[in-house]
Structures are given as structure tokens and as C-alpha cells.
PDB file of N, CA and C in Angstrom:
ATOM      1  N   MET A   1       0.659  -1.110  -0.006  1.00  0.00           N
ATOM      2  CA  MET A   1      -0.028  -0.069  -0.138  1.00  0.00           C
ATOM      3  C   MET A   1       0.901   1.278   0.016  1.00  0.00           C
ATOM      4  N   GLY A   2       0.589   2.292  -0.813  1.00  0.00           N
ATOM      5  CA  GLY A   2       1.319   3.417  -0.841  1.00  0.00           C
ATOM      6  C   GLY A   2       0.411   4.519  -0.413  1.00  0.00           C
ATOM      7  N   ILE A   3       1.055   5.789  -0.288  1.00  0.00           N
ATOM      8  CA  ILE A   3       0.370   6.870   0.079  1.00  0.00           C
ATOM      9  C   ILE A   3      -0.414   7.202  -0.823  1.00  0.00           C
ATOM     10  N   ALA A   4      -1.717   7.702  -0.657  1.00  0.00           N
ATOM     11  CA  ALA A   4      -2.573   8.228  -1.670  1.00  0.00           C
ATOM     12  C   ALA A   4      -2.132   9.658  -2.121  1.00  0.00           C
ATOM     13  N   THR A   5      -2.370   9.926  -3.373  1.00  0.00           N
ATOM     14  CA  THR A   5      -1.760  11.160  -3.990  1.00  0.00           C
ATOM     15  C   THR A   5      -2.388  12.468  -3.322  1.00  0.00           C
ATOM     16  N   LYS A   6      -3.675  12.355  -2.959  1.00  0.00           N
ATOM     17  CA  LYS A   6      -4.297  13.501  -2.035  1.00  0.00           C
ATOM     18  C   LYS A   6      -3.659  13.647  -0.768  1.00  0.00           C
ATOM     19  N   ASP A   7      -3.205  12.472  -0.056  1.00  0.00           N
ATOM     20  CA  ASP A   7      -2.555  12.504   1.260  1.00  0.00           C
ATOM     21  C   ASP A   7      -1.180  13.010   1.075  1.00  0.00           C
ATOM     22  N   PHE A   8      -0.506  12.537  -0.172  1.00  0.00           N
ATOM     23  CA  PHE A   8       0.872  13.106  -0.419  1.00  0.00           C
ATOM     24  C   PHE A   8       0.883  14.629  -0.537  1.00  0.00           C
ATOM     25  N   GLU A   9      -0.030  15.208  -1.366  1.00  0.00           N
ATOM     26  CA  GLU A   9      -0.221  16.510  -1.643  1.00  0.00           C
ATOM     27  C   GLU A   9      -0.380  17.318  -0.168  1.00  0.00           C
ATOM     28  N   LYS A  10      -1.227  16.909   0.587  1.00  0.00           N
ATOM     29  CA  LYS A  10      -1.363  17.395   1.825  1.00  0.00           C
ATOM     30  C   LYS A  10      -0.087  17.531   2.722  1.00  0.00           C
ATOM     31  N   LEU A  11       0.588  16.585   2.633  1.00  0.00           N
ATOM     32  CA  LEU A  11       1.870  16.446   3.548  1.00  0.00           C
ATOM     33  C   LEU A  11       2.796  17.313   2.861  1.00  0.00           C
ATOM     34  N   GLU A  12       2.861  17.382   1.489  1.00  0.00           N
ATOM     35  CA  GLU A  12       3.758  18.377   0.952  1.00  0.00           C
ATOM     36  C   GLU A  12       3.659  19.830   1.224  1.00  0.00           C
ATOM     37  N   LYS A  13       2.281  20.208   1.211  1.00  0.00           N
ATOM     38  CA  LYS A  13       1.856  21.581   1.723  1.00  0.00           C
ATOM     39  C   LYS A  13       2.173  21.862   3.118  1.00  0.00           C
ATOM     40  N   GLN A  14       2.131  20.945   3.937  1.00  0.00           N
ATOM     41  CA  GLN A  14       2.500  20.970   5.400  1.00  0.00           C
ATOM     42  C   GLN A  14       3.743  21.083   5.585  1.00  0.00           C
ATOM     43  N   SER A  15       4.674  20.482   4.761  1.00  0.00           N
ATOM     44  CA  SER A  15       6.153  20.479   4.966  1.00  0.00           C
ATOM     45  C   SER A  15       6.598  21.732   4.348  1.00  0.00           C
ATOM     46  N   SER A  16       5.965  22.211   3.390  1.00  0.00           N
ATOM     47  CA  SER A  16       6.444  23.655   2.667  1.00  0.00           C
ATOM     48  C   SER A  16       5.895  24.840   3.670  1.00  0.00           C
ATOM     49  N   ALA A  17       4.883  24.771   4.431  1.00  0.00           N
ATOM     50  CA  ALA A  17       4.547  25.783   5.177  1.00  0.00           C
ATOM     51  C   ALA A  17       5.542  25.704   6.516  1.00  0.00           C
ATOM     52  N   GLU A  18       5.829  24.545   7.038  1.00  0.00           N
ATOM     53  CA  GLU A  18       6.633  24.497   7.997  1.00  0.00           C
ATOM     54  C   GLU A  18       8.063  24.967   7.706  1.00  0.00           C
ATOM     55  N   PHE A  19       8.440  24.765   6.392  1.00  0.00           N
ATOM     56  CA  PHE A  19       9.729  25.372   5.942  1.00  0.00           C
ATOM     57  C   PHE A  19       9.658  26.958   5.967  1.00  0.00           C
ATOM     58  N   LYS A  20       8.804  27.290   5.354  1.00  0.00           N
ATOM     59  CA  LYS A  20       8.483  28.824   5.467  1.00  0.00           C
ATOM     60  C   LYS A  20       8.377  29.427   6.716  1.00  0.00           C
ATOM     61  N   LYS A  21       7.649  28.806   7.646  1.00  0.00           N
ATOM     62  CA  LYS A  21       7.547  29.347   9.041  1.00  0.00           C
ATOM     63  C   LYS A  21       8.813  29.609   9.642  1.00  0.00           C
ATOM     64  N   TYR A  22       9.837  28.834   9.567  1.00  0.00           N
ATOM     65  CA  TYR A  22      10.998  28.941  10.235  1.00  0.00           C
ATOM     66  C   TYR A  22      12.148  29.688   9.379  1.00  0.00           C
ATOM     67  N   ALA A  23      11.659  30.372   8.161  1.00  0.00           N
ATOM     68  CA  ALA A  23      12.751  30.831   7.373  1.00  0.00           C
ATOM     69  C   ALA A  23      13.462  31.935   7.993  1.00  0.00           C
ATOM     70  N   ASN A  24      12.820  32.946   8.666  1.00  0.00           N
ATOM     71  CA  ASN A  24      13.582  34.082   9.514  1.00  0.00           C
ATOM     72  C   ASN A  24      14.479  33.370  10.613  1.00  0.00           C
ATOM     73  N   PHE A  25      14.009  32.312  11.228  1.00  0.00           N
ATOM     74  CA  PHE A  25      14.914  31.763  12.306  1.00  0.00           C
ATOM     75  C   PHE A  25      16.222  31.033  11.460  1.00  0.00           C
ATOM     76  N   ARG A  26      16.062  30.504  10.452  1.00  0.00           N
ATOM     77  CA  ARG A  26      17.277  29.719   9.762  1.00  0.00           C
ATOM     78  C   ARG A  26      18.329  30.896   9.158  1.00  0.00           C
ATOM     79  N   ALA A  27      17.781  31.854   8.802  1.00  0.00           N
ATOM     80  CA  ALA A  27      18.430  33.123   8.389  1.00  0.00           C
ATOM     81  C   ALA A  27      19.162  33.630   9.484  1.00  0.00           C
ATOM     82  N   ASN A  28      18.484  33.929  10.537  1.00  0.00           N
ATOM     83  CA  ASN A  28      19.064  34.515  11.768  1.00  0.00           C
ATOM     84  C   ASN A  28      20.195  33.848  12.250  1.00  0.00           C
ATOM     85  N   ILE A  29      19.877  32.465  12.609  1.00  0.00           N
ATOM     86  CA  ILE A  29      20.875  31.717  13.263  1.00  0.00           C
ATOM     87  C   ILE A  29      22.269  31.738  12.351  1.00  0.00           C
ATOM     88  N   ARG A  30      22.026  31.498  10.947  1.00  0.00           N
ATOM     89  CA  ARG A  30      23.135  31.280  10.048  1.00  0.00           C
ATOM     90  C   ARG A  30      24.076  32.873   9.977  1.00  0.00           C
ATOM     91  N   LEU A  31      23.311  33.954  10.127  1.00  0.00           N
ATOM     92  CA  LEU A  31      24.034  35.182  10.164  1.00  0.00           C
ATOM     93  C   LEU A  31      24.594  35.446  11.335  1.00  0.00           C
ATOM     94  N   LEU A  32      24.115  35.202  12.486  1.00  0.00           N
ATOM     95  CA  LEU A  32      24.781  35.102  13.831  1.00  0.00           C
ATOM     96  C   LEU A  32      25.931  34.298  13.954  1.00  0.00           C
ATOM     97  N   ARG A  33      25.527  33.162  13.320  1.00  0.00           N
ATOM     98  CA  ARG A  33      26.682  32.151  13.541  1.00  0.00           C
ATOM     99  C   ARG A  33      28.154  32.445  12.658  1.00  0.00           C
ATOM    100  N   TYR A  34      27.836  33.179  11.575  1.00  0.00           N
ATOM    101  CA  TYR A  34      28.896  33.676  10.774  1.00  0.00           C
ATOM    102  C   TYR A  34      29.857  34.711  11.535  1.00  0.00           C
ATOM    103  N   THR A  35      29.073  35.610  12.520  1.00  0.00           N
ATOM    104  CA  THR A  35      29.872  36.437  13.237  1.00  0.00           C
ATOM    105  C   THR A  35      30.965  35.847  14.222  1.00  0.00           C
ATOM    106  N   THR A  36      30.710  34.418  14.389  1.00  0.00           N
ATOM    107  CA  THR A  36      31.606  33.829  15.409  1.00  0.00           C
ATOM    108  C   THR A  36      32.691  33.095  14.743  1.00  0.00           C
ATOM    109  N   ASP A  37      32.839  32.876  13.322  1.00  0.00           N
ATOM    110  CA  ASP A  37      33.657  32.207  12.289  1.00  0.00           C
ATOM    111  C   ASP A  37      33.660  30.691  13.057  1.00  0.00           C
ATOM    112  N   LEU A  38      32.405  30.307  13.312  1.00  0.00           N
ATOM    113  CA  LEU A  38      32.496  28.703  13.652  1.00  0.00           C
ATOM    114  C   LEU A  38      31.545  27.991  12.824  1.00  0.00           C
ATOM    115  N   SER A  39      31.943  26.819  12.229  1.00  0.00           N
ATOM    116  CA  SER A  39      31.081  26.113  11.576  1.00  0.00           C
ATOM    117  C   SER A  39      29.699  25.714  12.311  1.00  0.00           C
ATOM    118  N   ALA A  40      28.641  25.277  11.543  1.00  0.00           N
ATOM    119  CA  ALA A  40      27.552  24.979  12.227  1.00  0.00           C
ATOM    120  C   ALA A  40      27.750  23.858  13.212  1.00  0.00           C
ATOM    121  N   ASP A  41      28.556  22.765  12.831  1.00  0.00           N
ATOM    122  CA  ASP A  41      29.027  21.611  13.703  1.00  0.00           C
ATOM    123  C   ASP A  41      29.507  22.050  14.601  1.00  0.00           C
ATOM    124  N   ALA A  42      30.516  23.008  14.734  1.00  0.00           N
ATOM    125  CA  ALA A  42      31.318  23.538  15.919  1.00  0.00           C
ATOM    126  C   ALA A  42      30.242  24.303  16.838  1.00  0.00           C
ATOM    127  N   MET A  43      29.593  25.015  16.000  1.00  0.00           N
ATOM    128  CA  MET A  43      28.632  25.703  17.138  1.00  0.00           C
ATOM    129  C   MET A  43      27.690  24.950  17.719  1.00  0.00           C
ATOM    130  N   GLY A  44      27.179  23.711  17.182  1.00  0.00           N
ATOM    131  CA  GLY A  44      26.479  22.788  17.803  1.00  0.00           C
ATOM    132  C   GLY A  44      27.238  22.037  19.127  1.00  0.00           C
ATOM    133  N   LYS A  45      28.366  21.915  18.807  1.00  0.00           N
ATOM    134  CA  LYS A  45      29.231  21.172  19.931  1.00  0.00           C
ATOM    135  C   LYS A  45      29.503  22.329  21.227  1.00  0.00           C
ATOM    136  N   THR A  46      29.637  23.670  20.974  1.00  0.00           N
ATOM    137  CA  THR A  46      29.699  24.626  21.763  1.00  0.00           C
ATOM    138  C   THR A  46      28.423  24.879  22.558  1.00  0.00           C
ATOM    139  N   LEU A  47      27.181  24.762  21.641  1.00  0.00           N
ATOM    140  CA  LEU A  47      26.102  24.701  22.657  1.00  0.00           C
ATOM    141  C   LEU A  47      25.470  23.659  23.191  1.00  0.00           C
ATOM    142  N   LYS A  48      26.339  22.435  23.114  1.00  0.00           N
ATOM    143  CA  LYS A  48      26.171  21.252  23.684  1.00  0.00           C
ATOM    144  C   LYS A  48      24.988  20.482  23.188  1.00  0.00           C
ATOM    145  N   PHE A  49      24.680  20.819  21.981  1.00  0.00           N
ATOM    146  CA  PHE A  49      23.308  19.884  21.434  1.00  0.00           C
ATOM    147  C   PHE A  49      23.870  18.378  21.469  1.00  0.00           C
ATOM    148  N   LYS A  50      22.911  17.543  21.826  1.00  0.00           N
ATOM    149  CA  LYS A  50      23.218  16.100  21.671  1.00  0.00           C
ATOM    150  C   LYS A  50      23.572  15.670  20.500  1.00  0.00           C
ATOM    151  N   LYS A  51      23.111  16.084  19.414  1.00  0.00           N
ATOM    152  CA  LYS A  51      23.688  15.965  18.010  1.00  0.00           C
ATOM    153  C   LYS A  51      24.380  17.370  17.688  1.00  0.00           C
ATOM    154  N   PHE A  52      25.436  17.243  17.357  1.00  0.00           N
ATOM    155  CA  PHE A  52      26.237  18.529  17.208  1.00  0.00           C
ATOM    156  C   PHE A  52      25.812  19.222  15.755  1.00  0.00           C
ATOM    157  N   HIS A  53      25.471  18.115  14.835  1.00  0.00           N
ATOM    158  CA  HIS A  53      25.202  18.603  13.411  1.00  0.00           C
ATOM    159  C   HIS A  53      23.622  19.116  13.454  1.00  0.00           C
ATOM    160  N   ARG A  54      22.943  19.213  14.643  1.00  0.00           N
ATOM    161  CA  ARG A  54      21.609  19.728  14.584  1.00  0.00           C
ATOM    162  C   ARG A  54      21.457  21.074  14.139  1.00  0.00           C
ATOM    163  N   LEU A  55      22.606  21.799  14.437  1.00  0.00           N
ATOM    164  CA  LEU A  55      22.339  23.386  13.991  1.00  0.00           C
ATOM    165  C   LEU A  55      22.357  23.430  12.657  1.00  0.00           C
ATOM    166  N   ARG A  56      23.247  22.711  12.016  1.00  0.00           N
ATOM    167  CA  ARG A  56      23.396  22.577  10.385  1.00  0.00           C
ATOM    168  C   ARG A  56      22.226  22.234   9.986  1.00  0.00           C
ATOM    169  N   MET A  57      21.537  21.237  10.455  1.00  0.00           N
ATOM    170  CA  MET A  57      20.103  20.694  10.036  1.00  0.00           C
ATOM    171  C   MET A  57      19.102  21.927  10.309  1.00  0.00           C
ATOM    172  N   LEU A  58      19.011  22.549  11.428  1.00  0.00           N
ATOM    173  CA  LEU A  58      18.171  23.786  11.529  1.00  0.00           C
ATOM    174  C   LEU A  58      18.133  24.735  10.563  1.00  0.00           C
ATOM    175  N   GLU A  59      19.585  25.138  10.237  1.00  0.00           N
ATOM    176  CA  GLU A  59      19.845  25.978   9.105  1.00  0.00           C
ATOM    177  C   GLU A  59      19.367  25.823   7.896  1.00  0.00           C
ATOM    178  N   GLU A  60      19.497  24.313   7.506  1.00  0.00           N
ATOM    179  CA  GLU A  60      19.000  24.080   6.310  1.00  0.00           C
ATOM    180  C   GLU A  60      17.632  23.783   5.977  1.00  0.00           C
ATOM    181  N   GLY A  61      16.935  23.712   7.336  1.00  0.00           N
ATOM    182  CA  GLY A  61      15.516  23.392   7.249  1.00  0.00           C
ATOM    183  C   GLY A  61      15.067  22.003   7.150  1.00  0.00           C
ATOM    184  N   LYS A  62      16.145  21.239   7.503  1.00  0.00           N
ATOM    185  CA  LYS A  62      15.914  19.661   7.433  1.00  0.00           C
ATOM    186  C   LYS A  62      15.628  19.016   8.989  1.00  0.00           C
ATOM    187  N   GLY A  63      14.809  18.020   8.827  1.00  0.00           N
ATOM    188  CA  GLY A  63      14.667  17.410  10.254  1.00  0.00           C
ATOM    189  C   GLY A  63      13.305  18.050  10.895  1.00  0.00           C
ATOM    190  N   ALA A  64      13.157  17.869  12.155  1.00  0.00           N
ATOM    191  CA  ALA A  64      12.117  18.359  12.938  1.00  0.00           C
ATOM    192  C   ALA A  64      12.256  19.819  13.045  1.00  0.00           C
ATOM    193  N   SER A  65      11.269  20.434  13.605  1.00  0.00           N
ATOM    194  CA  SER A  65      11.205  21.928  13.861  1.00  0.00           C
ATOM    195  C   SER A  65      12.054  22.207  15.215  1.00  0.00           C
ATOM    196  N   VAL A  66      12.377  23.326  15.124  1.00  0.00           N
ATOM    197  CA  VAL A  66      13.364  23.895  16.403  1.00  0.00           C
ATOM    198  C   VAL A  66      12.756  23.594  17.753  1.00  0.00           C
ATOM    199  N   ARG A  67      13.476  23.197  18.670  1.00  0.00           N
ATOM    200  CA  ARG A  67      12.864  22.980  20.009  1.00  0.00           C
ATOM    201  C   ARG A  67      13.080  24.109  20.699  1.00  0.00           C
ATOM    202  N   LEU A  68      12.295  24.242  21.945  1.00  0.00           N
ATOM    203  CA  LEU A  68      12.438  25.389  22.717  1.00  0.00           C
ATOM    204  C   LEU A  68      13.882  25.508  23.283  1.00  0.00           C
ATOM    205  N   GLU A  69      14.349  24.465  23.993  1.00  0.00           N
ATOM    206  CA  GLU A  69      15.684  24.441  24.443  1.00  0.00           C
ATOM    207  C   GLU A  69      16.670  24.857  23.403  1.00  0.00           C
ATOM    208  N   GLU A  70      16.554  24.606  22.156  1.00  0.00           N
ATOM    209  CA  GLU A  70      17.649  24.719  21.132  1.00  0.00           C
ATOM    210  C   GLU A  70      17.632  26.415  20.989  1.00  0.00           C
ATOM    211  N   ALA A  71      16.327  26.789  20.723  1.00  0.00           N
ATOM    212  CA  ALA A  71      16.339  28.325  20.581  1.00  0.00           C
ATOM    213  C   ALA A  71      16.773  29.053  21.556  1.00  0.00           C
ATOM    214  N   GLU A  72      16.388  28.765  23.107  1.00  0.00           N
ATOM    215  CA  GLU A  72      16.962  29.241  24.217  1.00  0.00           C
ATOM    216  C   GLU A  72      18.493  29.246  24.132  1.00  0.00           C
ATOM    217  N   ALA A  73      19.132  27.986  23.896  1.00  0.00           N
ATOM    218  CA  ALA A  73      20.457  27.911  24.036  1.00  0.00           C
ATOM    219  C   ALA A  73      21.064  29.058  22.774  1.00  0.00           C
ATOM    220  N   ILE A  74      20.621  29.093  21.873  1.00  0.00           N
ATOM    221  CA  ILE A  74      21.189  29.917  20.523  1.00  0.00           C
ATOM    222  C   ILE A  74      20.914  31.496  21.119  1.00  0.00           C
ATOM    223  N   GLY A  75      19.672  31.650  21.921  1.00  0.00           N
ATOM    224  CA  GLY A  75      19.445  33.118  21.988  1.00  0.00           C
ATOM    225  C   GLY A  75      20.416  33.523  23.130  1.00  0.00           C
ATOM    226  N   LYS A  76      20.682  32.760  24.081  1.00  0.00           N
ATOM    227  CA  LYS A  76      21.355  32.880  25.224  1.00  0.00           C
ATOM    228  C   LYS A  76      22.885  33.336  24.867  1.00  0.00           C
ATOM    229  N   PHE A  77      23.319  32.435  23.983  1.00  0.00           N
ATOM    230  CA  PHE A  77      24.696  32.514  23.304  1.00  0.00           C
ATOM    231  C   PHE A  77      24.850  33.711  22.609  1.00  0.00           C
ATOM    232  N   PHE A  78      24.044  34.222  21.858  1.00  0.00           N
ATOM    233  CA  PHE A  78      24.185  35.425  21.072  1.00  0.00           C
ATOM    234  C   PHE A  78      23.531  36.834  21.718  1.00  0.00           C
ATOM    235  N   LYS A  79      22.924  36.575  22.939  1.00  0.00           N
ATOM    236  CA  LYS A  79      22.307  37.266  23.621  1.00  0.00           C
ATOM    237  C   LYS A  79      21.286  38.228  22.735  1.00  0.00           C
ATOM    238  N   VAL A  80      20.439  37.427  22.453  1.00  0.00           N
ATOM    239  CA  VAL A  80      19.154  37.740  21.411  1.00  0.00           C
ATOM    240  C   VAL A  80      18.075  37.182  21.854  1.00  0.00           C
ATOM    241  N   PRO A  81      16.832  37.696  22.366  1.00  0.00           N
ATOM    242  CA  PRO A  81      15.665  37.375  22.578  1.00  0.00           C
ATOM    243  C   PRO A  81      15.142  36.258  21.412  1.00  0.00           C
ATOM    244  N   ILE A  82      14.392  35.203  22.087  1.00  0.00           N
ATOM    245  CA  ILE A  82      13.981  34.261  21.141  1.00  0.00           C
ATOM    246  C   ILE A  82      13.002  34.735  20.232  1.00  0.00           C
ATOM    247  N   GLU A  83      12.132  35.611  20.503  1.00  0.00           N
ATOM    248  CA  GLU A  83      11.353  36.095  19.699  1.00  0.00           C
ATOM    249  C   GLU A  83      11.961  36.778  18.471  1.00  0.00           C
ATOM    250  N   SER A  84      12.924  37.312  18.815  1.00  0.00           N
ATOM    251  CA  SER A  84      13.723  38.028  17.665  1.00  0.00           C
ATOM    252  C   SER A  84      14.387  37.047  16.792  1.00  0.00           C
ATOM    253  N   LEU A  85      14.885  35.931  17.080  1.00  0.00           N
ATOM    254  CA  LEU A  85      15.342  34.837  16.476  1.00  0.00           C
ATOM    255  C   LEU A  85      14.266  34.247  15.563  1.00  0.00           C
ATOM    256  N   LEU A  86      13.196  34.062  16.054  1.00  0.00           N
ATOM    257  CA  LEU A  86      11.969  33.239  15.363  1.00  0.00           C
ATOM    258  C   LEU A  86      11.329  34.114  14.298  1.00  0.00           C
ATOM    259  N   TYR A  87      11.071  35.454  14.550  1.00  0.00           N
ATOM    260  CA  TYR A  87      10.099  36.213  13.981  1.00  0.00           C
ATOM    261  C   TYR A  87      10.585  37.361  13.179  1.00  0.00           C
ATOM    262  N   LYS A  88      11.811  37.844  13.562  1.00  0.00           N
ATOM    263  CA  LYS A  88      12.242  39.029  13.018  1.00  0.00           C
ATOM    264  C   LYS A  88      13.190  38.872  11.693  1.00  0.00           C
ATOM    265  N   LYS A  89      13.148  39.364  10.651  1.00  0.00           N
ATOM    266  CA  LYS A  89      14.289  39.333   9.529  1.00  0.00           C
ATOM    267  C   LYS A  89      15.600  39.869   9.972  1.00  0.00           C
ATOM    268  N   ALA A  90      16.696  39.077   9.868  1.00  0.00           N
ATOM    269  CA  ALA A  90      17.982  39.474  10.147  1.00  0.00           C
ATOM    270  C   ALA A  90      18.497  40.459   9.171  1.00  0.00           C
ATOM    271  N   LYS A  91      19.172  41.646   9.669  1.00  0.00           N
ATOM    272  CA  LYS A  91      19.671  42.722   8.986  1.00  0.00           C
ATOM    273  C   LYS A  91      21.211  42.914   9.350  1.00  0.00           C
ATOM    274  N   ILE A  92      21.824  43.185   8.033  1.00  0.00           N
ATOM    275  CA  ILE A  92      23.382  43.469   8.071  1.00  0.00           C
ATOM    276  C   ILE A  92      23.448  44.910   8.049  1.00  0.00           C
ATOM    277  N   VAL A  93      24.146  45.514   8.854  1.00  0.00           N
ATOM    278  CA  VAL A  93      24.501  47.032   8.966  1.00  0.00           C
ATOM    279  C   VAL A  93      25.931  47.107   8.708  1.00  0.00           C
ATOM    280  N   PHE A  94      26.464  47.916   7.788  1.00  0.00           N
ATOM    281  CA  PHE A  94      27.751  48.069   7.496  1.00  0.00           C
ATOM    282  C   PHE A  94      28.074  49.586   8.014  1.00  0.00           C
ATOM    283  N   GLU A  95      29.112  49.574   8.983  1.00  0.00           N
ATOM    284  CA  GLU A  95      29.512  50.864   9.497  1.00  0.00           C
ATOM    285  C   GLU A  95      30.440  51.422   8.451  1.00  0.00           C
ATOM    286  N   GLU A  96      30.427  53.048   8.404  1.00  0.00           N
ATOM    287  CA  GLU A  96      31.249  53.745   7.489  1.00  0.00           C
ATOM    288  C   GLU A  96      32.411  54.241   8.071  1.00  0.00           C
TER     289      GLU A  96
END
């Protein structure tokens, strides 16, 4: 038995919505991580994630949604409120 086309389309829409939902978060953590000169895996180790490659997966939008503990750890490390990480668009400001 395979998955029905109707069910597959519904699942695909949910996945797309989930991916878009965390677009700001993915962009924000990637931008912040670049300021540290650490790879995603190294940052995951620094944050003591159980699976150090989890941060890379979050940045790429793969796997499960971000967990509260992960968002808190990232926010605390960068001194950024979780709400800003999740909902605001990152901006780069160049000083003259």
C-alpha cells in the first residue's frame, strides 16, 4: 500500500508551510553564526546539542522543527531574545 496522491499533496503543503514558518529563524542563526567564525557543527558542539550537527540541520530546514531548548540556547549564546530569532528578519548593517 502506498500513500494516496491526495494525502501526499497535503503532506507536501504542510512541509512547505513548516519550512517557510522558520525561514527567519534559519537566516538569523546562520547570520549570527557567521559572526563567530564557527562552522554549524562546531557551534552545535559549543551549545552542547546532543547531536552536534543539529544546528546545521536547523539552518538547512531539515529534520524536525526547532525545539524550545535549542532556541533558548542559541538566544542566550548570542544575547538575542528568542522572539527576535524566530520572527524578525536579520539585517546586516555596515558601518562607514
